């Protein structure tokens, strides 16, 4: 579920409102809209509406039996949810489709990733690959944390985008989570760019399938 503007009067439960009681109006609006996206997505699973609070590390706390992820940036809010019998973890992120601020790429990208960014910038210049890399690492962390409860640094994974298929691979440089008794050494995700009312965004998403039931 995605929205490109904050509808007036988006509902917050009292428990949610307390989390942003001291925030500026813009922050409260995006907080409410992204939860509207989440509740709409949850309704598609037959889940009754309720507060979506924060857990350890600031991650959202989802209803029993559900995994999910939320994201927001200027002009874009979205949420994705799934039953945990189908998906073990999901992570989504959206960013303005524009170059990263000066100096950020150096903090985010590993040397091999910088070489990939240089190559892709030459061959596919319409995409801001540095921003896509940042978004993919954000989606990676949002996927990783619910499975491990651990921090993941930018340098703990290597992102390789596929410019032709709209996908990317994330290779973990640290021991991966164990899902269904199997060590997961990396994730595969999808990316896209979208333009709405003159504003451009890049979005990334990862979904880890749940272990097959025997």
Foldseek 3Di string as FASTA:
>chain_A
DKFQDQDPPQDADPVQCVVCVPPDPVVVRLSSVLLVQVCVQVVVVVDHDDHFAADPPRFTDDPPQKEKEWEDDNRMTHMHMDGCLWFVYKFKYKDFQDADPPPVLVQQADPVQVVLQVVCCVVPVVGRVSVVLVRVVRRVQRRQCVQPVDDDGSVQWHWHDDPPPQKIKIAGNDFGGQAPNRTDGIWMKGKDWDDDPRTIMIMIMTTHTHDDDD
